[in-house]
Amino acid sequence: MVYSCVQLAMHVFAFTDLGFDDYVDDILVTAFNAIIIIEFIRMLIKHSMNTIVEVLIFAIARALVVGHEERISALIRIVCIAILLLCRKFLFHEFDFQEEE
């Protein structure tokens, strides 16, 4: 986790000859990797369905934001995120959220 945060700081303050788009993509990839590592560690510690769904949402969102793919792939990922959010809203009970407090 510390390595990922240090790497993010190095990418932010590294002045390379990359174009602006490549520079922003590089920072986004590193930032999303750090966030996913933090959420994965949280998932391993807390063992709840809510954290598992959050890790899946972050992983799909990372691929959606960072990946430059076809429109149908982006649409499929958006639908997957919507399904995960609907599952979290309607299929979880109150005791699923009580473990996190």
PDB file of N, CA and C in Angstrom:
ATOM      1  N   MET A   1       0.826  -1.182   0.000  1.00  0.00           N
ATOM      2  CA  MET A   1       0.000   0.000   0.000  1.00  0.00           C
ATOM      3  C   MET A   1       0.875   1.253   0.000  1.00  0.00           C
ATOM      4  N   VAL A   2       1.892   1.228   0.839  1.00  0.00           N
ATOM      5  CA  VAL A   2       2.802   2.373   0.900  1.00  0.00           C
ATOM      6  C   VAL A   2       3.539   2.521  -0.427  1.00  0.00           C
ATOM      7  N   TYR A   3       3.946   1.387  -0.987  1.00  0.00           N
ATOM      8  CA  TYR A   3       4.635   1.419  -2.276  1.00  0.00           C
ATOM      9  C   TYR A   3       3.749   2.044  -3.348  1.00  0.00           C
ATOM     10  N   SER A   4       2.481   1.684  -3.346  1.00  0.00           N
ATOM     11  CA  SER A   4       1.560   2.218  -4.337  1.00  0.00           C
ATOM     12  C   SER A   4       1.370   3.723  -4.174  1.00  0.00           C
ATOM     13  N   CYS A   5       1.274   4.191  -2.933  1.00  0.00           N
ATOM     14  CA  CYS A   5       1.127   5.633  -2.700  1.00  0.00           C
ATOM     15  C   CYS A   5       2.394   6.396  -3.079  1.00  0.00           C
ATOM     16  N   VAL A   6       3.552   5.812  -2.788  1.00  0.00           N
ATOM     17  CA  VAL A   6       4.819   6.445  -3.180  1.00  0.00           C
ATOM     18  C   VAL A   6       4.934   6.490  -4.697  1.00  0.00           C
ATOM     19  N   GLN A   7       4.529   5.410  -5.338  1.00  0.00           N
ATOM     20  CA  GLN A   7       4.570   5.378  -6.796  1.00  0.00           C
ATOM     21  C   GLN A   7       3.631   6.427  -7.390  1.00  0.00           C
ATOM     22  N   LEU A   8       2.467   6.610  -6.771  1.00  0.00           N
ATOM     23  CA  LEU A   8       1.538   7.646  -7.239  1.00  0.00           C
ATOM     24  C   LEU A   8       2.162   9.031  -7.113  1.00  0.00           C
ATOM     25  N   ALA A   9       2.809   9.305  -5.991  1.00  0.00           N
ATOM     26  CA  ALA A   9       3.464  10.602  -5.808  1.00  0.00           C
ATOM     27  C   ALA A   9       4.584  10.796  -6.835  1.00  0.00           C
ATOM     28  N   MET A  10       5.314   9.731  -7.123  1.00  0.00           N
ATOM     29  CA  MET A  10       6.391   9.844  -8.123  1.00  0.00           C
ATOM     30  C   MET A  10       5.822  10.124  -9.499  1.00  0.00           C
ATOM     31  N   HIS A  11       4.691   9.515  -9.833  1.00  0.00           N
ATOM     32  CA  HIS A  11       4.090   9.750 -11.150  1.00  0.00           C
ATOM     33  C   HIS A  11       3.505  11.158 -11.258  1.00  0.00           C
ATOM     34  N   VAL A  12       2.977  11.675 -10.167  1.00  0.00           N
ATOM     35  CA  VAL A  12       2.397  13.009 -10.200  1.00  0.00           C
ATOM     36  C   VAL A  12       3.475  14.060 -10.401  1.00  0.00           C
ATOM     37  N   PHE A  13       4.601  13.910  -9.696  1.00  0.00           N
ATOM     38  CA  PHE A  13       5.648  14.934  -9.760  1.00  0.00           C
ATOM     39  C   PHE A  13       6.734  14.640 -10.784  1.00  0.00           C
ATOM     40  N   ALA A  14       6.589  13.574 -11.546  1.00  0.00           N
ATOM     41  CA  ALA A  14       7.562  13.265 -12.587  1.00  0.00           C
ATOM     42  C   ALA A  14       7.244  14.103 -13.822  1.00  0.00           C
ATOM     43  N   PHE A  15       8.188  14.877 -14.225  1.00  0.00           N
ATOM     44  CA  PHE A  15       8.011  15.703 -15.417  1.00  0.00           C
ATOM     45  C   PHE A  15       8.716  15.013 -16.570  1.00  0.00           C
ATOM     46  N   THR A  16       7.937  14.259 -17.321  1.00  0.00           N
ATOM     47  CA  THR A  16       8.498  13.516 -18.434  1.00  0.00           C
ATOM     48  C   THR A  16       8.073  14.155 -19.741  1.00  0.00           C
ATOM     49  N   ASP A  17       8.545  13.574 -20.816  1.00  0.00           N
ATOM     50  CA  ASP A  17       8.199  14.114 -22.132  1.00  0.00           C
ATOM     51  C   ASP A  17       6.926  13.481 -22.689  1.00  0.00           C
ATOM     52  N   LEU A  18       6.115  12.886 -21.814  1.00  0.00           N
ATOM     53  CA  LEU A  18       4.836  12.337 -22.249  1.00  0.00           C
ATOM     54  C   LEU A  18       3.878  13.464 -22.609  1.00  0.00           C
ATOM     55  N   GLY A  19       2.977  13.164 -23.502  1.00  0.00           N
ATOM     56  CA  GLY A  19       1.927  14.118 -23.814  1.00  0.00           C
ATOM     57  C   GLY A  19       0.966  14.219 -22.630  1.00  0.00           C
ATOM     58  N   PHE A  20       0.139  15.232 -22.651  1.00  0.00           N
ATOM     59  CA  PHE A  20      -0.778  15.460 -21.535  1.00  0.00           C
ATOM     60  C   PHE A  20      -1.720  14.278 -21.336  1.00  0.00           C
ATOM     61  N   ASP A  21      -2.257  13.731 -22.426  1.00  0.00           N
ATOM     62  CA  ASP A  21      -3.188  12.603 -22.323  1.00  0.00           C
ATOM     63  C   ASP A  21      -2.511  11.383 -21.715  1.00  0.00           C
ATOM     64  N   ASP A  22      -1.299  11.071 -22.161  1.00  0.00           N
ATOM     65  CA  ASP A  22      -0.572   9.932 -21.606  1.00  0.00           C
ATOM     66  C   ASP A  22      -0.207  10.162 -20.147  1.00  0.00           C
ATOM     67  N   TYR A  23       0.117  11.397 -19.799  1.00  0.00           N
ATOM     68  CA  TYR A  23       0.461  11.748 -18.415  1.00  0.00           C
ATOM     69  C   TYR A  23      -0.743  11.545 -17.493  1.00  0.00           C
ATOM     70  N   VAL A  24      -1.918  12.002 -17.917  1.00  0.00           N
ATOM     71  CA  VAL A  24      -3.131  11.845 -17.120  1.00  0.00           C
ATOM     72  C   VAL A  24      -3.521  10.371 -17.027  1.00  0.00           C
ATOM     73  N   ASP A  25      -3.403   9.634 -18.123  1.00  0.00           N
ATOM     74  CA  ASP A  25      -3.695   8.198 -18.084  1.00  0.00           C
ATOM     75  C   ASP A  25      -2.779   7.471 -17.111  1.00  0.00           C
ATOM     76  N   ASP A  26      -1.514   7.827 -17.104  1.00  0.00           N
ATOM     77  CA  ASP A  26      -0.550   7.202 -16.203  1.00  0.00           C
ATOM     78  C   ASP A  26      -0.899   7.473 -14.741  1.00  0.00           C
ATOM     79  N   ILE A  27      -1.292   8.700 -14.445  1.00  0.00           N
ATOM     80  CA  ILE A  27      -1.680   9.054 -13.071  1.00  0.00           C
ATOM     81  C   ILE A  27      -2.965   8.330 -12.679  1.00  0.00           C
ATOM     82  N   LEU A  28      -3.934   8.250 -13.594  1.00  0.00           N
ATOM     83  CA  LEU A  28      -5.187   7.557 -13.296  1.00  0.00           C
ATOM     84  C   LEU A  28      -4.970   6.072 -13.030  1.00  0.00           C
ATOM     85  N   VAL A  29      -4.141   5.438 -13.832  1.00  0.00           N
ATOM     86  CA  VAL A  29      -3.847   4.016 -13.624  1.00  0.00           C
ATOM     87  C   VAL A  29      -3.226   3.801 -12.254  1.00  0.00           C
ATOM     88  N   THR A  30      -2.261   4.615 -11.900  1.00  0.00           N
ATOM     89  CA  THR A  30      -1.589   4.474 -10.612  1.00  0.00           C
ATOM     90  C   THR A  30      -2.535   4.770  -9.460  1.00  0.00           C
ATOM     91  N   ALA A  31      -3.367   5.788  -9.591  1.00  0.00           N
ATOM     92  CA  ALA A  31      -4.314   6.134  -8.521  1.00  0.00           C
ATOM     93  C   ALA A  31      -5.348   5.037  -8.329  1.00  0.00           C
ATOM     94  N   PHE A  32      -5.889   4.520  -9.417  1.00  0.00           N
ATOM     95  CA  PHE A  32      -6.863   3.443  -9.288  1.00  0.00           C
ATOM     96  C   PHE A  32      -6.235   2.179  -8.713  1.00  0.00           C
ATOM     97  N   ASN A  33      -4.995   1.899  -9.067  1.00  0.00           N
ATOM     98  CA  ASN A  33      -4.318   0.743  -8.479  1.00  0.00           C
ATOM     99  C   ASN A  33      -4.181   0.911  -6.969  1.00  0.00           C
ATOM    100  N   ALA A  34      -3.837   2.106  -6.523  1.00  0.00           N
ATOM    101  CA  ALA A  34      -3.715   2.353  -5.081  1.00  0.00           C
ATOM    102  C   ALA A  34      -5.061   2.190  -4.391  1.00  0.00           C
ATOM    103  N   ILE A  35      -6.120   2.700  -4.994  1.00  0.00           N
ATOM    104  CA  ILE A  35      -7.451   2.583  -4.396  1.00  0.00           C
ATOM    105  C   ILE A  35      -7.897   1.127  -4.330  1.00  0.00           C
ATOM    106  N   ILE A  36      -7.644   0.372  -5.387  1.00  0.00           N
ATOM    107  CA  ILE A  36      -8.046  -1.025  -5.394  1.00  0.00           C
ATOM    108  C   ILE A  36      -7.258  -1.823  -4.370  1.00  0.00           C
ATOM    109  N   ILE A  37      -5.985  -1.518  -4.189  1.00  0.00           N
ATOM    110  CA  ILE A  37      -5.188  -2.198  -3.159  1.00  0.00           C
ATOM    111  C   ILE A  37      -5.749  -1.905  -1.774  1.00  0.00           C
ATOM    112  N   ILE A  38      -6.085  -0.651  -1.509  1.00  0.00           N
ATOM    113  CA  ILE A  38      -6.650  -0.291  -0.204  1.00  0.00           C
ATOM    114  C   ILE A  38      -7.984  -0.999   0.020  1.00  0.00           C
ATOM    115  N   GLU A  39      -8.844  -1.010  -0.984  1.00  0.00           N
ATOM    116  CA  GLU A  39     -10.138  -1.688  -0.846  1.00  0.00           C
ATOM    117  C   GLU A  39      -9.963  -3.194  -0.703  1.00  0.00           C
ATOM    118  N   PHE A  40      -8.998  -3.775  -1.379  1.00  0.00           N
ATOM    119  CA  PHE A  40      -8.763  -5.212  -1.269  1.00  0.00           C
ATOM    120  C   PHE A  40      -8.292  -5.578   0.136  1.00  0.00           C
ATOM    121  N   ILE A  41      -7.411  -4.769   0.707  1.00  0.00           N
ATOM    122  CA  ILE A  41      -6.959  -5.006   2.078  1.00  0.00           C
ATOM    123  C   ILE A  41      -8.129  -4.864   3.041  1.00  0.00           C
ATOM    124  N   ARG A  42      -8.964  -3.867   2.820  1.00  0.00           N
ATOM    125  CA  ARG A  42     -10.157  -3.687   3.652  1.00  0.00           C
ATOM    126  C   ARG A  42     -11.095  -4.881   3.526  1.00  0.00           C
ATOM    127  N   MET A  43     -11.210  -5.433   2.324  1.00  0.00           N
ATOM    128  CA  MET A  43     -12.057  -6.599   2.114  1.00  0.00           C
ATOM    129  C   MET A  43     -11.507  -7.805   2.869  1.00  0.00           C
ATOM    130  N   LEU A  44     -10.192  -7.969   2.872  1.00  0.00           N
ATOM    131  CA  LEU A  44      -9.595  -9.090   3.587  1.00  0.00           C
ATOM    132  C   LEU A  44      -9.761  -8.968   5.093  1.00  0.00           C
ATOM    133  N   ILE A  45      -9.800  -7.744   5.593  1.00  0.00           N
ATOM    134  CA  ILE A  45      -9.927  -7.534   7.034  1.00  0.00           C
ATOM    135  C   ILE A  45     -11.375  -7.652   7.485  1.00  0.00           C
ATOM    136  N   LYS A  46     -12.315  -7.114   6.737  1.00  0.00           N
ATOM    137  CA  LYS A  46     -13.698  -6.990   7.214  1.00  0.00           C
ATOM    138  C   LYS A  46     -14.625  -8.129   6.817  1.00  0.00           C
ATOM    139  N   HIS A  47     -14.363  -8.901   5.839  1.00  0.00           N
ATOM    140  CA  HIS A  47     -15.184 -10.050   5.438  1.00  0.00           C
ATOM    141  C   HIS A  47     -16.674  -9.755   5.389  1.00  0.00           C
ATOM    142  N   SER A  48     -17.081  -8.775   4.642  1.00  0.00           N
ATOM    143  CA  SER A  48     -18.515  -8.525   4.475  1.00  0.00           C
ATOM    144  C   SER A  48     -18.837  -8.429   2.985  1.00  0.00           C
ATOM    145  N   MET A  49     -20.080  -8.686   2.675  1.00  0.00           N
ATOM    146  CA  MET A  49     -20.504  -8.639   1.275  1.00  0.00           C
ATOM    147  C   MET A  49     -20.415  -7.232   0.706  1.00  0.00           C
ATOM    148  N   ASN A  50     -20.608  -6.237   1.545  1.00  0.00           N
ATOM    149  CA  ASN A  50     -20.540  -4.856   1.082  1.00  0.00           C
ATOM    150  C   ASN A  50     -19.141  -4.509   0.578  1.00  0.00           C
ATOM    151  N   THR A  51     -18.107  -4.943   1.294  1.00  0.00           N
ATOM    152  CA  THR A  51     -16.741  -4.635   0.846  1.00  0.00           C
ATOM    153  C   THR A  51     -16.393  -5.395  -0.424  1.00  0.00           C
ATOM    154  N   ILE A  52     -16.914  -6.606  -0.569  1.00  0.00           N
ATOM    155  CA  ILE A  52     -16.658  -7.365  -1.797  1.00  0.00           C
ATOM    156  C   ILE A  52     -17.284  -6.667  -2.996  1.00  0.00           C
ATOM    157  N   VAL A  53     -18.502  -6.190  -2.838  1.00  0.00           N
ATOM    158  CA  VAL A  53     -19.174  -5.476  -3.930  1.00  0.00           C
ATOM    159  C   VAL A  53     -18.437  -4.173  -4.244  1.00  0.00           C
ATOM    160  N   GLU A  54     -17.951  -3.475  -3.223  1.00  0.00           N
ATOM    161  CA  GLU A  54     -17.207  -2.238  -3.463  1.00  0.00           C
ATOM    162  C   GLU A  54     -15.917  -2.491  -4.225  1.00  0.00           C
ATOM    163  N   VAL A  55     -15.216  -3.573  -3.901  1.00  0.00           N
ATOM    164  CA  VAL A  55     -13.991  -3.908  -4.636  1.00  0.00           C
ATOM    165  C   VAL A  55     -14.324  -4.206  -6.094  1.00  0.00           C
ATOM    166  N   LEU A  56     -15.389  -4.942  -6.335  1.00  0.00           N
ATOM    167  CA  LEU A  56     -15.793  -5.227  -7.715  1.00  0.00           C
ATOM    168  C   LEU A  56     -16.167  -3.954  -8.465  1.00  0.00           C
ATOM    169  N   ILE A  57     -16.865  -3.048  -7.793  1.00  0.00           N
ATOM    170  CA  ILE A  57     -17.236  -1.785  -8.441  1.00  0.00           C
ATOM    171  C   ILE A  57     -15.997  -0.967  -8.788  1.00  0.00           C
ATOM    172  N   PHE A  58     -15.026  -0.887  -7.862  1.00  0.00           N
ATOM    173  CA  PHE A  58     -13.802  -0.140  -8.149  1.00  0.00           C
ATOM    174  C   PHE A  58     -13.007  -0.777  -9.287  1.00  0.00           C
ATOM    175  N   ALA A  59     -12.952  -2.095  -9.323  1.00  0.00           N
ATOM    176  CA  ALA A  59     -12.204  -2.772 -10.389  1.00  0.00           C
ATOM    177  C   ALA A  59     -12.847  -2.527 -11.755  1.00  0.00           C
ATOM    178  N   ILE A  60     -14.163  -2.614 -11.808  1.00  0.00           N
ATOM    179  CA  ILE A  60     -14.852  -2.368 -13.084  1.00  0.00           C
ATOM    180  C   ILE A  60     -14.740  -0.896 -13.473  1.00  0.00           C
ATOM    181  N   ALA A  61     -14.850   0.001 -12.498  1.00  0.00           N
ATOM    182  CA  ALA A  61     -14.734   1.438 -12.788  1.00  0.00           C
ATOM    183  C   ALA A  61     -13.336   1.785 -13.279  1.00  0.00           C
ATOM    184  N   ARG A  62     -12.319   1.132 -12.714  1.00  0.00           N
ATOM    185  CA  ARG A  62     -10.950   1.370 -13.163  1.00  0.00           C
ATOM    186  C   ARG A  62     -10.806   1.006 -14.632  1.00  0.00           C
ATOM    187  N   ALA A  63     -11.318  -0.164 -15.001  1.00  0.00           N
ATOM    188  CA  ALA A  63     -11.240  -0.587 -16.400  1.00  0.00           C
ATOM    189  C   ALA A  63     -12.053   0.327 -17.301  1.00  0.00           C
ATOM    190  N   LEU A  64     -13.134   0.865 -16.770  1.00  0.00           N
ATOM    191  CA  LEU A  64     -13.983   1.763 -17.558  1.00  0.00           C
ATOM    192  C   LEU A  64     -13.304   3.101 -17.804  1.00  0.00           C
ATOM    193  N   VAL A  65     -12.671   3.657 -16.761  1.00  0.00           N
ATOM    194  CA  VAL A  65     -12.061   4.985 -16.884  1.00  0.00           C
ATOM    195  C   VAL A  65     -10.726   4.915 -17.612  1.00  0.00           C
ATOM    196  N   VAL A  66      -9.911   3.943 -17.280  1.00  0.00           N
ATOM    197  CA  VAL A  66      -8.555   3.890 -17.820  1.00  0.00           C
ATOM    198  C   VAL A  66      -8.520   3.266 -19.203  1.00  0.00           C
ATOM    199  N   GLY A  67      -9.318   2.225 -19.414  1.00  0.00           N
ATOM    200  CA  GLY A  67      -9.293   1.528 -20.698  1.00  0.00           C
ATOM    201  C   GLY A  67      -9.985   2.319 -21.785  1.00  0.00           C
ATOM    202  N   HIS A  68      -9.373   2.350 -22.927  1.00  0.00           N
ATOM    203  CA  HIS A  68      -9.967   3.026 -24.081  1.00  0.00           C
ATOM    204  C   HIS A  68     -10.436   1.942 -25.046  1.00  0.00           C
ATOM    205  N   GLU A  69     -11.674   1.520 -24.843  1.00  0.00           N
ATOM    206  CA  GLU A  69     -12.195   0.402 -25.611  1.00  0.00           C
ATOM    207  C   GLU A  69     -13.405   0.826 -26.416  1.00  0.00           C
ATOM    208  N   GLU A  70     -14.026  -0.163 -27.033  1.00  0.00           N
ATOM    209  CA  GLU A  70     -15.205   0.112 -27.834  1.00  0.00           C
ATOM    210  C   GLU A  70     -16.375   0.516 -26.951  1.00  0.00           C
ATOM    211  N   ARG A  71     -17.359   1.090 -27.579  1.00  0.00           N
ATOM    212  CA  ARG A  71     -18.526   1.580 -26.832  1.00  0.00           C
ATOM    213  C   ARG A  71     -19.328   0.445 -26.214  1.00  0.00           C
ATOM    214  N   ILE A  72     -19.399  -0.692 -26.901  1.00  0.00           N
ATOM    215  CA  ILE A  72     -20.187  -1.804 -26.365  1.00  0.00           C
ATOM    216  C   ILE A  72     -19.550  -2.351 -25.085  1.00  0.00           C
ATOM    217  N   SER A  73     -18.227  -2.363 -25.015  1.00  0.00           N
ATOM    218  CA  SER A  73     -17.546  -2.811 -23.796  1.00  0.00           C
ATOM    219  C   SER A  73     -17.809  -1.842 -22.645  1.00  0.00           C
ATOM    220  N   ALA A  74     -17.784  -0.567 -22.943  1.00  0.00           N
ATOM    221  CA  ALA A  74     -18.084   0.424 -21.916  1.00  0.00           C
ATOM    222  C   ALA A  74     -19.530   0.289 -21.441  1.00  0.00           C
ATOM    223  N   LEU A  75     -20.446   0.045 -22.365  1.00  0.00           N
ATOM    224  CA  LEU A  75     -21.844  -0.132 -21.996  1.00  0.00           C
ATOM    225  C   LEU A  75     -22.037  -1.362 -21.121  1.00  0.00           C
ATOM    226  N   ILE A  76     -21.361  -2.443 -21.443  1.00  0.00           N
ATOM    227  CA  ILE A  76     -21.452  -3.662 -20.637  1.00  0.00           C
ATOM    228  C   ILE A  76     -20.918  -3.409 -19.233  1.00  0.00           C
ATOM    229  N   ARG A  77     -19.828  -2.680 -19.118  1.00  0.00           N
ATOM    230  CA  ARG A  77     -19.276  -2.378 -17.794  1.00  0.00           C
ATOM    231  C   ARG A  77     -20.203  -1.477 -16.991  1.00  0.00           C
ATOM    232  N   ILE A  78     -20.832  -0.521 -17.634  1.00  0.00           N
ATOM    233  CA  ILE A  78     -21.785   0.352 -16.941  1.00  0.00           C
ATOM    234  C   ILE A  78     -22.978  -0.455 -16.446  1.00  0.00           C
ATOM    235  N   VAL A  79     -23.459  -1.380 -17.263  1.00  0.00           N
ATOM    236  CA  VAL A  79     -24.572  -2.232 -16.849  1.00  0.00           C
ATOM    237  C   VAL A  79     -24.149  -3.114 -15.672  1.00  0.00           C
ATOM    238  N   CYS A  80     -22.929  -3.623 -15.691  1.00  0.00           N
ATOM    239  CA  CYS A  80     -22.427  -4.442 -14.578  1.00  0.00           C
ATOM    240  C   CYS A  80     -22.358  -3.636 -13.278  1.00  0.00           C
ATOM    241  N   ILE A  81     -21.899  -2.404 -13.356  1.00  0.00           N
ATOM    242  CA  ILE A  81     -21.857  -1.554 -12.164  1.00  0.00           C
ATOM    243  C   ILE A  81     -23.274  -1.287 -11.662  1.00  0.00           C
ATOM    244  N   ALA A  82     -24.198  -1.041 -12.579  1.00  0.00           N
ATOM    245  CA  ALA A  82     -25.594  -0.808 -12.174  1.00  0.00           C
ATOM    246  C   ALA A  82     -26.183  -2.047 -11.502  1.00  0.00           C
ATOM    247  N   ILE A  83     -25.883  -3.218 -12.020  1.00  0.00           N
ATOM    248  CA  ILE A  83     -26.375  -4.454 -11.405  1.00  0.00           C
ATOM    249  C   ILE A  83     -25.797  -4.624 -10.008  1.00  0.00           C
ATOM    250  N   LEU A  84     -24.501  -4.350  -9.841  1.00  0.00           N
ATOM    251  CA  LEU A  84     -23.891  -4.461  -8.516  1.00  0.00           C
ATOM    252  C   LEU A  84     -24.506  -3.465  -7.535  1.00  0.00           C
ATOM    253  N   LEU A  85     -24.761  -2.258  -7.991  1.00  0.00           N
ATOM    254  CA  LEU A  85     -25.389  -1.264  -7.114  1.00  0.00           C
ATOM    255  C   LEU A  85     -26.819  -1.651  -6.753  1.00  0.00           C
ATOM    256  N   LEU A  86     -27.553  -2.205  -7.703  1.00  0.00           N
ATOM    257  CA  LEU A  86     -28.913  -2.665  -7.415  1.00  0.00           C
ATOM    258  C   LEU A  86     -28.899  -3.838  -6.441  1.00  0.00           C
ATOM    259  N   CYS A  87     -27.961  -4.747  -6.610  1.00  0.00           N
ATOM    260  CA  CYS A  87     -27.836  -5.866  -5.668  1.00  0.00           C
ATOM    261  C   CYS A  87     -27.523  -5.350  -4.270  1.00  0.00           C
ATOM    262  N   ARG A  88     -26.644  -4.386  -4.195  1.00  0.00           N
ATOM    263  CA  ARG A  88     -26.287  -3.830  -2.886  1.00  0.00           C
ATOM    264  C   ARG A  88     -27.478  -3.124  -2.242  1.00  0.00           C
ATOM    265  N   LYS A  89     -28.293  -2.476  -3.046  1.00  0.00           N
ATOM    266  CA  LYS A  89     -29.428  -1.739  -2.478  1.00  0.00           C
ATOM    267  C   LYS A  89     -30.577  -2.658  -2.080  1.00  0.00           C
ATOM    268  N   PHE A  90     -30.920  -3.614  -2.930  1.00  0.00           N
ATOM    269  CA  PHE A  90     -32.127  -4.388  -2.708  1.00  0.00           C
ATOM    270  C   PHE A  90     -31.901  -5.772  -2.099  1.00  0.00           C
ATOM    271  N   LEU A  91     -30.736  -6.356  -2.235  1.00  0.00           N
ATOM    272  CA  LEU A  91     -30.526  -7.712  -1.736  1.00  0.00           C
ATOM    273  C   LEU A  91     -29.826  -7.772  -0.389  1.00  0.00           C
ATOM    274  N   PHE A  92     -29.202  -6.701   0.026  1.00  0.00           N
ATOM    275  CA  PHE A  92     -28.529  -6.711   1.324  1.00  0.00           C
ATOM    276  C   PHE A  92     -29.527  -6.330   2.408  1.00  0.00           C
ATOM    277  N   HIS A  93     -29.304  -6.875   3.577  1.00  0.00           N
ATOM    278  CA  HIS A  93     -30.147  -6.555   4.722  1.00  0.00           C
ATOM    279  C   HIS A  93     -29.377  -5.628   5.647  1.00  0.00           C
ATOM    280  N   GLU A  94     -30.037  -5.151   6.664  1.00  0.00           N
ATOM    281  CA  GLU A  94     -29.400  -4.221   7.610  1.00  0.00           C
ATOM    282  C   GLU A  94     -28.204  -4.840   8.315  1.00  0.00           C
ATOM    283  N   PHE A  95     -28.249  -6.136   8.604  1.00  0.00           N
ATOM    284  CA  PHE A  95     -27.139  -6.756   9.322  1.00  0.00           C
ATOM    285  C   PHE A  95     -25.889  -6.868   8.455  1.00  0.00           C
ATOM    286  N   ASP A  96     -26.023  -6.762   7.146  1.00  0.00           N
ATOM    287  CA  ASP A  96     -24.844  -6.759   6.284  1.00  0.00           C
ATOM    288  C   ASP A  96     -24.024  -5.483   6.472  1.00  0.00           C
ATOM    289  N   PHE A  97     -24.681  -4.390   6.815  1.00  0.00           N
ATOM    290  CA  PHE A  97     -23.982  -3.122   7.004  1.00  0.00           C
ATOM    291  C   PHE A  97     -23.544  -2.915   8.445  1.00  0.00           C
ATOM    292  N   GLN A  98     -24.089  -3.668   9.398  1.00  0.00           N
ATOM    293  CA  GLN A  98     -23.734  -3.516  10.790  1.00  0.00           C
ATOM    294  C   GLN A  98     -22.325  -4.008  11.095  1.00  0.00           C
ATOM    295  N   GLU A  99     -21.806  -4.932  10.314  1.00  0.00           N
ATOM    296  CA  GLU A  99     -20.458  -5.462  10.529  1.00  0.00           C
ATOM    297  C   GLU A  99     -19.396  -4.398  10.325  1.00  0.00           C
ATOM    298  N   GLU A 100     -19.682  -3.402   9.496  1.00  0.00           N
ATOM    299  CA  GLU A 100     -18.687  -2.388   9.162  1.00  0.00           C
ATOM    300  C   GLU A 100     -18.530  -1.325  10.237  1.00  0.00           C
ATOM    301  N   GLU A 101     -19.459  -1.196  11.136  1.00  0.00           N
ATOM    302  CA  GLU A 101     -19.399  -0.134  12.135  1.00  0.00           C
ATOM    303  C   GLU A 101     -18.520  -0.480  13.278  1.00  0.00           C
TER     304      GLU A 101
END
